[in-house]
Amino acid sequence: LNYSDRNHVEKWFQTVSMRIDRFHAFWRGSPASARRWLRRFRHHYNHDRPNQALNGRTPAEEVLN
């Protein structure tokens, strides 16, 4: 994993987080519930979910080791 790829992914997550208010009309819950869901998803994706491309490590493990 190179820094350029990781930067693109992180930028995407940041953009989604900042603009989630624009999509609240399509979300069944409130904008706050969408933000909570996204925070939980980011944590799960980066800290709990093993990644095949990282040989079963999480992105957090890859960055910290």
N, C-alpha and C. Protein backbone atom coordinates (compact mmCIF):
# COMPACT_ATOMS: atom_id res chain seq x y z
N LEU A 1 0.86 -1.18 0.00
CA LEU A 1 0.00 0.00 0.00
C LEU A 1 0.90 1.23 0.00
N ASN A 2 0.69 2.08 -0.96
CA ASN A 2 1.51 3.28 -0.98
C ASN A 2 0.72 4.48 -0.44
N TYR A 3 1.43 5.52 -0.10
CA TYR A 3 0.80 6.69 0.51
C TYR A 3 -0.18 7.36 -0.42
N SER A 4 0.08 7.36 -1.71
CA SER A 4 -0.82 8.00 -2.66
C SER A 4 -2.19 7.33 -2.64
N ASP A 5 -2.21 5.99 -2.70
CA ASP A 5 -3.49 5.27 -2.65
C ASP A 5 -4.22 5.54 -1.35
N ARG A 6 -3.51 5.47 -0.25
CA ARG A 6 -4.12 5.69 1.06
C ARG A 6 -4.66 7.12 1.15
N ASN A 7 -3.95 8.08 0.61
CA ASN A 7 -4.41 9.47 0.64
C ASN A 7 -5.71 9.63 -0.12
N HIS A 8 -5.84 8.95 -1.25
CA HIS A 8 -7.08 9.03 -2.03
C HIS A 8 -8.25 8.46 -1.25
N VAL A 9 -8.04 7.34 -0.61
CA VAL A 9 -9.10 6.72 0.18
C VAL A 9 -9.48 7.62 1.35
N GLU A 10 -8.50 8.14 2.05
CA GLU A 10 -8.78 9.01 3.19
C GLU A 10 -9.52 10.27 2.74
N LYS A 11 -9.14 10.81 1.61
CA LYS A 11 -9.82 11.99 1.08
C LYS A 11 -11.27 11.67 0.77
N TRP A 12 -11.50 10.49 0.21
CA TRP A 12 -12.88 10.08 -0.09
C TRP A 12 -13.71 10.02 1.18
N PHE A 13 -13.19 9.39 2.23
CA PHE A 13 -13.92 9.31 3.49
C PHE A 13 -14.17 10.70 4.07
N GLN A 14 -13.20 11.57 3.98
CA GLN A 14 -13.36 12.93 4.49
C GLN A 14 -14.46 13.65 3.72
N THR A 15 -14.46 13.51 2.41
CA THR A 15 -15.47 14.16 1.58
C THR A 15 -16.86 13.66 1.92
N VAL A 16 -17.01 12.35 2.05
CA VAL A 16 -18.32 11.79 2.40
C VAL A 16 -18.77 12.32 3.75
N SER A 17 -17.87 12.36 4.71
CA SER A 17 -18.21 12.86 6.05
C SER A 17 -18.69 14.31 6.00
N MET A 18 -17.97 15.14 5.25
CA MET A 18 -18.31 16.56 5.21
C MET A 18 -19.61 16.83 4.46
N ARG A 19 -19.91 15.99 3.50
CA ARG A 19 -21.08 16.27 2.65
C ARG A 19 -22.30 15.43 2.98
N ILE A 20 -22.25 14.69 4.05
CA ILE A 20 -23.36 13.80 4.36
C ILE A 20 -24.66 14.57 4.59
N ASP A 21 -24.57 15.79 5.03
CA ASP A 21 -25.77 16.61 5.21
C ASP A 21 -26.53 16.79 3.90
N ARG A 22 -25.81 16.83 2.79
CA ARG A 22 -26.47 17.00 1.49
C ARG A 22 -27.30 15.78 1.11
N PHE A 23 -26.94 14.63 1.65
CA PHE A 23 -27.61 13.39 1.27
C PHE A 23 -28.68 12.98 2.28
N HIS A 24 -28.91 13.81 3.30
CA HIS A 24 -29.83 13.39 4.36
C HIS A 24 -31.24 13.16 3.86
N ALA A 25 -31.64 13.76 2.75
CA ALA A 25 -32.99 13.53 2.23
C ALA A 25 -33.18 12.08 1.80
N PHE A 26 -32.10 11.40 1.44
CA PHE A 26 -32.19 10.01 1.00
C PHE A 26 -31.95 9.03 2.14
N TRP A 27 -31.52 9.52 3.26
CA TRP A 27 -31.20 8.68 4.42
C TRP A 27 -32.46 8.55 5.25
N ARG A 28 -32.77 7.35 5.70
CA ARG A 28 -33.98 7.14 6.48
C ARG A 28 -33.90 7.76 7.87
N GLY A 29 -32.71 7.93 8.37
CA GLY A 29 -32.52 8.53 9.69
C GLY A 29 -32.17 10.00 9.56
N SER A 30 -31.69 10.55 10.63
CA SER A 30 -31.29 11.96 10.65
C SER A 30 -29.86 12.11 10.14
N PRO A 31 -29.45 13.33 9.81
CA PRO A 31 -28.05 13.54 9.44
C PRO A 31 -27.10 13.09 10.55
N ALA A 32 -27.50 13.31 11.80
CA ALA A 32 -26.64 12.88 12.92
C ALA A 32 -26.50 11.37 12.94
N SER A 33 -27.58 10.64 12.65
CA SER A 33 -27.48 9.18 12.65
C SER A 33 -26.61 8.69 11.49
N ALA A 34 -26.65 9.39 10.37
CA ALA A 34 -25.79 9.03 9.24
C ALA A 34 -24.33 9.26 9.60
N ARG A 35 -24.03 10.36 10.28
CA ARG A 35 -22.65 10.62 10.70
C ARG A 35 -22.17 9.57 11.69
N ARG A 36 -23.05 9.17 12.63
CA ARG A 36 -22.68 8.12 13.59
C ARG A 36 -22.38 6.82 12.86
N TRP A 37 -23.25 6.48 11.90
CA TRP A 37 -23.04 5.25 11.14
C TRP A 37 -21.70 5.31 10.41
N LEU A 38 -21.39 6.44 9.80
CA LEU A 38 -20.14 6.57 9.05
C LEU A 38 -18.93 6.47 9.97
N ARG A 39 -19.01 7.07 11.15
CA ARG A 39 -17.90 6.95 12.11
C ARG A 39 -17.68 5.49 12.49
N ARG A 40 -18.78 4.78 12.76
CA ARG A 40 -18.65 3.35 13.12
C ARG A 40 -18.09 2.55 11.95
N PHE A 41 -18.55 2.85 10.74
CA PHE A 41 -18.05 2.16 9.56
C PHE A 41 -16.56 2.40 9.38
N ARG A 42 -16.13 3.65 9.51
CA ARG A 42 -14.70 3.95 9.35
C ARG A 42 -13.87 3.20 10.37
N HIS A 43 -14.35 3.18 11.62
CA HIS A 43 -13.60 2.46 12.65
C HIS A 43 -13.53 0.97 12.30
N HIS A 44 -14.66 0.39 11.95
CA HIS A 44 -14.68 -1.03 11.58
C HIS A 44 -13.74 -1.30 10.41
N TYR A 45 -13.83 -0.48 9.37
CA TYR A 45 -13.03 -0.68 8.17
C TYR A 45 -11.54 -0.56 8.45
N ASN A 46 -11.16 0.40 9.27
CA ASN A 46 -9.74 0.65 9.52
C ASN A 46 -9.13 -0.14 10.67
N HIS A 47 -9.95 -0.60 11.63
CA HIS A 47 -9.41 -1.24 12.83
C HIS A 47 -9.84 -2.69 13.05
N ASP A 48 -10.99 -3.08 12.52
CA ASP A 48 -11.52 -4.42 12.81
C ASP A 48 -11.49 -5.37 11.61
N ARG A 49 -11.69 -4.87 10.43
CA ARG A 49 -11.87 -5.69 9.23
C ARG A 49 -10.52 -6.05 8.61
N PRO A 50 -10.18 -7.34 8.56
CA PRO A 50 -8.95 -7.74 7.88
C PRO A 50 -9.03 -7.43 6.38
N ASN A 51 -7.92 -7.07 5.81
CA ASN A 51 -7.88 -6.71 4.40
C ASN A 51 -7.01 -7.71 3.65
N GLN A 52 -7.56 -8.29 2.58
CA GLN A 52 -6.81 -9.28 1.80
C GLN A 52 -5.54 -8.68 1.21
N ALA A 53 -5.63 -7.46 0.73
CA ALA A 53 -4.46 -6.83 0.10
C ALA A 53 -3.35 -6.57 1.11
N LEU A 54 -3.69 -6.59 2.39
CA LEU A 54 -2.70 -6.35 3.44
C LEU A 54 -2.37 -7.64 4.18
N ASN A 55 -2.59 -8.77 3.52
CA ASN A 55 -2.30 -10.10 4.10
C ASN A 55 -3.01 -10.32 5.42
N GLY A 56 -4.28 -9.92 5.48
CA GLY A 56 -5.09 -10.16 6.67
C GLY A 56 -4.94 -9.13 7.76
N ARG A 57 -4.08 -8.13 7.55
CA ARG A 57 -3.94 -7.07 8.54
C ARG A 57 -5.00 -5.99 8.27
N THR A 58 -5.26 -5.20 9.28
CA THR A 58 -6.16 -4.06 9.08
C THR A 58 -5.35 -2.87 8.58
N PRO A 59 -6.00 -1.87 7.98
CA PRO A 59 -5.25 -0.67 7.58
C PRO A 59 -4.52 -0.02 8.76
N ALA A 60 -5.14 -0.02 9.93
CA ALA A 60 -4.47 0.57 11.10
C ALA A 60 -3.20 -0.20 11.44
N GLU A 61 -3.26 -1.52 11.39
CA GLU A 61 -2.07 -2.33 11.67
C GLU A 61 -0.98 -2.06 10.64
N GLU A 62 -1.38 -1.89 9.40
CA GLU A 62 -0.41 -1.63 8.33
C GLU A 62 0.31 -0.30 8.57
N VAL A 63 -0.42 0.70 8.97
CA VAL A 63 0.16 2.02 9.19
C VAL A 63 1.01 2.05 10.45
N LEU A 64 0.56 1.39 11.50
CA LEU A 64 1.26 1.46 12.78
C LEU A 64 2.48 0.55 12.86
N ASN A 65 2.59 -0.44 11.98
CA ASN A 65 3.73 -1.37 12.03
C ASN A 65 4.69 -1.15 10.91
